[in-house]
C-alpha atoms as a PDB file:
ATOM      1  CA  UNK A   1      40.612 -52.955 111.944  1.00  0.00           C
ATOM      2  CA  UNK A   2      42.489 -53.707 108.694  1.00  0.00           C
ATOM      3  CA  UNK A   3      42.119 -51.512 105.937  1.00  0.00           C
ATOM      4  CA  UNK A   4      38.960 -52.794 104.804  1.00  0.00           C
ATOM      5  CA  UNK A   5      36.822 -52.912 107.637  1.00  0.00           C
ATOM      6  CA  UNK A   6      33.382 -53.577 106.089  1.00  0.00           C
ATOM      7  CA  UNK A   7      34.530 -55.463 103.488  1.00  0.00           C
ATOM      8  CA  UNK A   8      34.553 -52.835 100.628  1.00  0.00           C
ATOM      9  CA  UNK A   9      35.473 -54.639  97.929  1.00  0.00           C
ATOM     10  CA  UNK A  10      33.890 -55.288  94.111  1.00  0.00           C
ATOM     11  CA  UNK A  11      33.778 -58.692  92.435  1.00  0.00           C
ATOM     12  CA  UNK A  12      34.213 -58.174  89.052  1.00  0.00           C
ATOM     13  CA  UNK A  13      33.363 -60.186  85.769  1.00  0.00           C
ATOM     14  CA  UNK A  14      34.791 -59.378  82.733  1.00  0.00           C
ATOM     15  CA  UNK A  15      34.119 -60.564  79.229  1.00  0.00           C
ATOM     16  CA  UNK A  16      36.032 -59.666  75.751  1.00  0.00           C
ATOM     17  CA  UNK A  17      35.544 -60.054  72.722  1.00  0.00           C
ATOM     18  CA  UNK A  18      38.129 -59.400  69.676  1.00  0.00           C
ATOM     19  CA  UNK A  19      39.077 -59.834  65.960  1.00  0.00           C
ATOM     20  CA  UNK A  20      41.403 -58.362  64.075  1.00  0.00           C
ATOM     21  CA  UNK A  21      40.687 -56.905  61.040  1.00  0.00           C
ATOM     22  CA  UNK A  22      42.313 -55.450  57.692  1.00  0.00           C
ATOM     23  CA  UNK A  23      41.523 -52.122  56.511  1.00  0.00           C
ATOM     24  CA  UNK A  24      43.223 -50.357  53.884  1.00  0.00           C
ATOM     25  CA  UNK A  25      46.066 -52.816  53.924  1.00  0.00           C
ATOM     26  CA  UNK A  26      46.409 -51.965  57.718  1.00  0.00           C
ATOM     27  CA  UNK A  27      45.508 -54.519  60.747  1.00  0.00           C
ATOM     28  CA  UNK A  28      43.440 -53.268  63.228  1.00  0.00           C
ATOM     29  CA  UNK A  29      42.257 -54.834  66.790  1.00  0.00           C
ATOM     30  CA  UNK A  30      38.581 -54.278  67.358  1.00  0.00           C
ATOM     31  CA  UNK A  31      37.197 -55.524  70.786  1.00  0.00           C
ATOM     32  CA  UNK A  32      34.382 -55.073  72.987  1.00  0.00           C
ATOM     33  CA  UNK A  33      34.141 -55.312  76.908  1.00  0.00           C
ATOM     34  CA  UNK A  34      31.585 -56.359  78.551  1.00  0.00           C
ATOM     35  CA  UNK A  35      31.649 -55.880  82.468  1.00  0.00           C
ATOM     36  CA  UNK A  36      29.194 -56.360  85.736  1.00  0.00           C
ATOM     37  CA  UNK A  37      29.908 -56.434  89.058  1.00  0.00           C
ATOM     38  CA  UNK A  38      28.796 -58.827  91.104  1.00  0.00           C
ATOM     39  CA  UNK A  39      29.834 -57.419  94.549  1.00  0.00           C
ATOM     40  CA  UNK A  40      30.204 -53.913  94.816  1.00  0.00           C
ATOM     41  CA  UNK A  41      31.398 -52.002  97.849  1.00  0.00           C
ATOM     42  CA  UNK A  42      28.834 -49.216  97.794  1.00  0.00           C
ATOM     43  CA  UNK A  43      26.007 -48.733  95.709  1.00  0.00           C
ATOM     44  CA  UNK A  44      27.499 -45.624  94.020  1.00  0.00           C
ATOM     45  CA  UNK A  45      29.480 -47.284  92.159  1.00  0.00           C
ATOM     46  CA  UNK A  46      28.271 -49.074  88.576  1.00  0.00           C
ATOM     47  CA  UNK A  47      26.448 -52.452  87.979  1.00  0.00           C
ATOM     48  CA  UNK A  48      27.858 -53.155  84.644  1.00  0.00           C
ATOM     49  CA  UNK A  49      29.454 -51.203  81.716  1.00  0.00           C
ATOM     50  CA  UNK A  50      30.295 -51.939  78.010  1.00  0.00           C
ATOM     51  CA  UNK A  51      33.744 -50.640  76.602  1.00  0.00           C
ATOM     52  CA  UNK A  52      34.785 -50.471  72.731  1.00  0.00           C
ATOM     53  CA  UNK A  53      38.129 -50.885  72.010  1.00  0.00           C
ATOM     54  CA  UNK A  54      39.824 -50.061  68.394  1.00  0.00           C
ATOM     55  CA  UNK A  55      43.604 -49.451  68.055  1.00  0.00           C
ATOM     56  CA  UNK A  56      46.254 -50.474  64.612  1.00  0.00           C
ATOM     57  CA  UNK A  57      48.606 -53.202  65.070  1.00  0.00           C
ATOM     58  CA  UNK A  58      52.447 -51.944  64.683  1.00  0.00           C
ATOM     59  CA  UNK A  59      55.143 -53.341  64.754  1.00  0.00           C
ATOM     60  CA  UNK A  60      56.940 -54.511  67.731  1.00  0.00           C
ATOM     61  CA  UNK A  61      60.381 -52.535  67.574  1.00  0.00           C
ATOM     62  CA  UNK A  62      61.336 -53.944  71.223  1.00  0.00           C
ATOM     63  CA  UNK A  63      60.794 -57.835  69.902  1.00  0.00           C
ATOM     64  CA  UNK A  64      62.976 -56.369  66.335  1.00  0.00           C
ATOM     65  CA  UNK A  65      65.687 -54.937  68.139  1.00  0.00           C
ATOM     66  CA  UNK A  66      65.883 -58.243  70.683  1.00  0.00           C
ATOM     67  CA  UNK A  67      66.111 -60.355  67.552  1.00  0.00           C
ATOM     68  CA  UNK A  68      69.094 -57.922  66.205  1.00  0.00           C
ATOM     69  CA  UNK A  69      70.857 -58.416  69.321  1.00  0.00           C
ATOM     70  CA  UNK A  70      70.692 -61.612  69.840  1.00  0.00           C
ATOM     71  CA  UNK A  71      71.604 -62.913  66.111  1.00  0.00           C
ATOM     72  CA  UNK A  72      74.943 -60.057  66.778  1.00  0.00           C
ATOM     73  CA  UNK A  73      75.848 -61.822  70.154  1.00  0.00           C
ATOM     74  CA  UNK A  74      75.629 -65.134  68.187  1.00  0.00           C
ATOM     75  CA  UNK A  75      77.779 -64.240  65.570  1.00  0.00           C
ATOM     76  CA  UNK A  76      80.098 -62.976  68.453  1.00  0.00           C
ATOM     77  CA  UNK A  77      79.903 -65.860  69.971  1.00  0.00           C
ATOM     78  CA  UNK A  78      80.553 -67.850  66.423  1.00  0.00           C
ATOM     79  CA  UNK A  79      83.701 -65.605  65.880  1.00  0.00           C
ATOM     80  CA  UNK A  80      85.397 -66.193  69.204  1.00  0.00           C
ATOM     81  CA  UNK A  81      84.922 -70.465  69.079  1.00  0.00           C
ATOM     82  CA  UNK A  82      86.795 -69.942  65.313  1.00  0.00           C
ATOM     83  CA  UNK A  83      89.899 -68.783  67.197  1.00  0.00           C
ATOM     84  CA  UNK A  84      89.823 -70.390  70.298  1.00  0.00           C
ATOM     85  CA  UNK A  85      93.241 -72.532  70.552  1.00  0.00           C
END
């Protein structure tokens, strides 16, 4: 027998809808998700559920960090090419 002897698995069907809005000058991401389980391992688990999410949209610090690194690396590379003999 394997890890799931009686074929105990779930098949979820998920739909997500989202929109970004501006409130007081700050962007916010609003979304709603609807989940329906087509197949469920037991009768105890959920058959369907709805979720709501509200999250502020913030600056991606890693993106600006990578931009800074790669722009700095390009400048160093240009300097090295200028002084090649």
